[in-house]
Amino acid sequence: MALTGTLTPLAWESEFFQRRTARLDSDPTQTLSVAALDAWPLVQAKRDASQTADIDALSALGFRLVEGEAELLLRPSVAERPAGIRVARTAQIPALREAAAAAFSHSRFRAPWFAADASARFYAQWIDNAVHGTFDHLCLLAIDAHGDLQGFVSLRETGPQAGRIGLLATLEGHQGKGVATRLLTAAQDWCLTRGIDQLRVATQLANLPALRLYLRCGATLERTAYWFYR
């Protein structure tokens, strides 16, 4: 069977991780050679769980399963910002970088494909960018009565009436206090003030606490997919 698809260079990831990386996108009209794959130190591919023929083909080409992902859709319905929610400012970036690095130390940016600290560095930079309004557009914080950081959520507008949660995390020591629910309520409020009625979020299939949170708050599961690396 002929290999088809297109290779898209991932410039930002290549620069950040100092490793040339491309993504293999599905395109049955484009023939691709194995030599084209071999030219890249790392090639990523994401496929819906239903694309079993594509998944089998990737496996035959030496791609390995990295992780599963769930995509969920929330229809914002809460127009009220809970108490203790603040917009993150640049002065809070060092604390947020440390918190994100700890909260997302395990992800698809892991060994043997990336360095041991790659995931922590990647998500620390992600939340840094969110505070500056690049990629994600802002970061909301959950603060307790003493002014201590409890958690954060980053958000961005992705199109007309559409938004996405980038990162959402509750800091260690604050779990079980409803922090994530407060942040998700605040995210819905942010959406409604901007006319956004579709808020999407992706999370690892193995992240059962996150899946339970989103479903409990009214989200619907739209799709499941798998990431593969070669």
Protein backbone atom coordinates (compact mmCIF):
# COMPACT_ATOMS: atom_id res chain seq x y z
CA MET A 1 0.00 0.00 0.00
CA ALA A 2 1.36 3.44 -0.95
CA LEU A 3 2.22 5.82 1.87
CA THR A 4 0.12 8.98 1.74
CA GLY A 5 0.02 12.19 3.76
CA THR A 6 1.82 15.48 4.16
CA LEU A 7 4.64 16.44 6.50
CA THR A 8 4.23 19.78 8.29
CA PRO A 9 7.35 21.14 10.00
CA LEU A 10 6.71 22.13 13.64
CA ALA A 11 8.91 25.20 13.84
CA TRP A 12 8.16 26.25 17.41
CA GLU A 13 8.60 22.77 18.88
CA SER A 14 11.76 22.20 16.83
CA GLU A 15 13.31 25.37 18.19
CA PHE A 16 12.14 24.87 21.77
CA PHE A 17 13.27 21.26 22.07
CA GLN A 18 16.28 21.68 19.76
CA ARG A 19 15.16 18.70 17.69
CA ARG A 20 13.77 18.91 14.15
CA THR A 21 10.15 17.76 14.37
CA ALA A 22 7.34 17.39 11.84
CA ARG A 23 3.72 16.27 11.96
CA LEU A 24 2.30 13.67 9.58
CA ASP A 25 -1.14 14.84 8.48
CA SER A 26 -3.66 12.62 6.70
CA ASP A 27 -4.05 13.35 3.00
CA PRO A 28 -4.93 10.43 0.72
CA THR A 29 -4.20 12.56 -2.37
CA GLN A 30 -0.53 13.07 -1.53
CA THR A 31 2.01 10.27 -1.94
CA LEU A 32 4.82 10.29 0.62
CA SER A 33 8.07 8.33 0.61
CA VAL A 34 9.57 6.55 3.59
CA ALA A 35 12.74 8.52 2.85
CA ALA A 36 10.78 11.71 3.55
CA LEU A 37 9.93 10.36 7.00
CA ASP A 38 13.49 9.25 7.58
CA ALA A 39 14.72 12.80 6.95
CA TRP A 40 13.14 13.93 10.23
CA PRO A 41 14.56 12.98 13.65
CA LEU A 42 11.01 12.97 15.04
CA VAL A 43 7.64 12.74 13.29
CA GLN A 44 4.37 13.05 15.21
CA ALA A 45 0.96 11.82 14.11
CA LYS A 46 -2.45 12.18 15.73
CA ARG A 47 -5.31 9.96 14.62
CA ASP A 48 -8.91 9.52 15.73
CA ALA A 49 -9.46 6.26 17.58
CA SER A 50 -11.84 5.22 14.77
CA GLN A 51 -9.12 5.50 12.10
CA THR A 52 -7.97 1.94 12.61
CA ALA A 53 -6.59 1.51 9.07
CA ASP A 54 -4.42 4.62 9.49
CA ILE A 55 -3.29 3.42 12.92
CA ASP A 56 -2.28 0.04 11.50
CA ALA A 57 -0.37 1.79 8.70
CA LEU A 58 1.47 4.00 11.18
CA SER A 59 2.45 0.97 13.22
CA ALA A 60 3.84 -0.72 10.10
CA LEU A 61 5.97 2.37 9.44
CA GLY A 62 7.56 2.24 12.89
CA PHE A 63 5.34 4.73 14.71
CA ARG A 64 4.80 4.01 18.41
CA LEU A 65 1.82 4.86 20.60
CA VAL A 66 2.57 7.72 22.98
CA GLU A 67 -0.76 8.57 24.62
CA GLY A 68 -4.51 8.77 24.19
CA GLU A 69 -6.45 12.03 24.18
CA ALA A 70 -10.08 13.00 24.77
CA GLU A 71 -11.66 16.12 23.27
CA LEU A 72 -14.64 17.56 25.14
CA LEU A 73 -17.13 20.34 24.45
CA LEU A 74 -18.68 22.56 27.10
CA ARG A 75 -21.57 24.91 26.40
CA PRO A 76 -20.98 27.85 28.78
CA SER A 77 -24.02 28.57 30.89
CA VAL A 78 -22.70 30.23 34.06
CA ALA A 79 -22.44 34.04 33.87
CA GLU A 80 -20.83 34.66 37.25
CA ARG A 81 -17.20 34.87 38.28
CA PRO A 82 -16.65 33.00 41.55
CA ALA A 83 -14.89 34.62 44.48
CA GLY A 84 -11.12 34.51 44.54
CA ILE A 85 -10.58 34.61 40.77
CA ARG A 86 -7.98 37.00 39.36
CA VAL A 87 -6.37 37.67 36.00
CA ALA A 88 -2.70 36.66 36.14
CA ARG A 89 -0.09 39.42 35.87
CA THR A 90 3.57 39.31 34.87
CA ALA A 91 4.71 39.50 38.50
CA GLN A 92 3.09 36.10 39.08
CA ILE A 93 4.86 34.37 36.20
CA PRO A 94 7.68 32.80 38.28
CA ALA A 95 5.18 31.13 40.61
CA LEU A 96 3.02 30.03 37.68
CA ARG A 97 5.97 28.57 35.79
CA GLU A 98 6.92 26.52 38.83
CA ALA A 99 3.32 25.39 39.34
CA ALA A 100 2.84 24.41 35.67
CA ALA A 101 6.13 22.53 35.58
CA ALA A 102 5.04 20.48 38.60
CA ALA A 103 1.44 19.93 37.43
CA PHE A 104 2.34 18.82 33.90
CA SER A 105 5.58 16.95 34.47
CA HIS A 106 4.14 13.88 32.69
CA SER A 107 2.88 14.28 29.14
CA ARG A 108 3.56 13.13 25.60
CA PHE A 109 6.76 15.21 25.72
CA ARG A 110 8.55 12.44 27.55
CA ALA A 111 11.42 9.99 27.28
CA PRO A 112 12.59 8.31 25.12
CA TRP A 113 11.57 10.96 22.59
CA PHE A 114 12.39 14.00 24.71
CA ALA A 115 14.63 14.86 27.65
CA ALA A 116 13.45 14.06 31.16
CA ASP A 117 12.64 17.70 31.94
CA ALA A 118 11.05 18.50 28.56
CA SER A 119 7.42 18.31 29.66
CA ALA A 120 7.96 20.53 32.69
CA ARG A 121 9.82 23.12 30.59
CA PHE A 122 7.19 23.04 27.84
CA TYR A 123 4.23 23.70 30.12
CA ALA A 124 6.11 26.29 32.14
CA GLN A 125 6.64 28.20 28.90
CA TRP A 126 3.00 27.64 27.88
CA ILE A 127 1.65 29.34 31.02
CA ASP A 128 4.25 32.11 30.67
CA ASN A 129 2.97 32.76 27.14
CA ALA A 130 -0.63 32.75 28.37
CA VAL A 131 0.06 35.53 30.87
CA HIS A 132 1.62 37.56 28.05
CA GLY A 133 -1.37 36.85 25.80
CA THR A 134 0.56 34.87 23.20
CA PHE A 135 -1.01 31.59 22.01
CA ASP A 136 -3.53 31.47 24.87
CA HIS A 137 -5.00 34.90 25.49
CA LEU A 138 -5.02 35.05 29.28
CA CYS A 139 -4.59 33.09 32.48
CA LEU A 140 -7.08 33.17 35.36
CA LEU A 141 -5.96 32.38 38.90
CA ALA A 142 -7.77 30.89 41.87
CA ILE A 143 -6.60 32.57 45.08
CA ASP A 144 -7.50 31.64 48.67
CA ALA A 145 -8.41 34.01 51.50
CA HIS A 146 -4.73 34.41 52.38
CA GLY A 147 -3.75 35.37 48.85
CA ASP A 148 -2.07 32.05 48.12
CA LEU A 149 -2.25 30.56 44.62
CA GLN A 150 -4.55 27.54 44.46
CA GLY A 151 -4.78 26.88 40.71
CA PHE A 152 -4.95 28.37 37.23
CA VAL A 153 -6.65 28.06 33.86
CA SER A 154 -5.50 29.47 30.52
CA LEU A 155 -7.98 30.40 27.79
CA ARG A 156 -8.03 31.53 24.20
CA GLU A 157 -10.54 32.50 21.56
CA THR A 158 -10.22 30.18 18.57
CA GLY A 159 -12.87 31.65 16.27
CA PRO A 160 -16.32 33.20 16.16
CA GLN A 161 -18.18 32.07 19.28
CA ALA A 162 -15.51 29.44 20.01
CA GLY A 163 -12.89 29.13 22.72
CA ARG A 164 -10.48 26.60 24.21
CA ILE A 165 -9.06 25.78 27.59
CA GLY A 166 -5.30 25.44 27.30
CA LEU A 167 -4.15 24.42 30.77
CA LEU A 168 -6.14 23.87 33.95
CA ALA A 169 -4.51 22.74 37.17
CA THR A 170 -5.03 22.69 40.91
CA LEU A 171 -1.84 23.09 42.92
CA GLU A 172 -0.66 20.41 45.30
CA GLY A 173 -2.18 20.87 48.74
CA HIS A 174 -5.34 22.47 47.37
CA GLN A 175 -7.03 19.43 45.85
CA GLY A 176 -10.47 18.54 47.12
CA LYS A 177 -11.46 22.16 47.77
CA GLY A 178 -13.44 22.75 44.61
CA VAL A 179 -10.67 24.82 43.01
CA ALA A 180 -10.97 23.22 39.56
CA THR A 181 -14.73 23.71 39.56
CA ARG A 182 -14.29 27.39 40.46
CA LEU A 183 -11.82 27.82 37.63
CA LEU A 184 -14.12 26.10 35.16
CA THR A 185 -17.01 28.32 36.27
CA ALA A 186 -14.77 31.38 35.81
CA ALA A 187 -13.81 30.10 32.35
CA GLN A 188 -17.49 29.88 31.40
CA ASP A 189 -18.08 33.40 32.66
CA TRP A 190 -15.16 34.63 30.52
CA CYS A 191 -16.72 32.92 27.50
CA LEU A 192 -20.16 34.39 28.00
CA THR A 193 -18.82 37.94 28.31
CA ARG A 194 -17.29 37.44 24.85
CA GLY A 195 -20.22 35.73 23.19
CA ILE A 196 -18.45 32.36 23.15
CA ASP A 197 -20.89 29.45 23.30
CA GLN A 198 -18.52 26.56 22.52
CA LEU A 199 -15.62 25.90 24.88
CA ARG A 200 -13.40 22.94 24.02
CA VAL A 201 -10.71 21.21 26.02
CA ALA A 202 -8.44 18.21 25.45
CA THR A 203 -7.04 15.99 28.16
CA GLN A 204 -5.18 12.70 28.42
CA LEU A 205 -7.36 9.60 28.47
CA ALA A 206 -5.46 8.53 31.56
CA ASN A 207 -6.39 11.76 33.38
CA LEU A 208 -9.57 10.43 34.96
CA PRO A 209 -9.95 13.28 37.51
CA ALA A 210 -10.01 15.82 34.66
CA LEU A 211 -12.45 13.76 32.60
CA ARG A 212 -14.77 13.41 35.60
CA LEU A 213 -14.58 17.15 36.28
CA TYR A 214 -15.53 18.17 32.74
CA LEU A 215 -18.34 15.62 32.47
CA ARG A 216 -19.68 16.60 35.90
CA CYS A 217 -19.75 20.22 34.78
CA GLY A 218 -21.83 19.37 31.73
CA ALA A 219 -19.24 18.74 29.02
CA THR A 220 -19.84 16.17 26.29
CA LEU A 221 -17.19 13.86 24.90
CA GLU A 222 -16.70 14.71 21.20
CA ARG A 223 -13.86 12.46 20.13
CA THR A 224 -10.95 10.32 21.25
CA ALA A 225 -7.61 10.15 19.50
CA TYR A 226 -4.11 8.74 19.84
CA TRP A 227 -0.69 10.34 19.45
CA PHE A 228 2.09 8.37 17.74
CA TYR A 229 5.80 9.16 17.32
CA ARG A 230 8.39 7.86 14.90
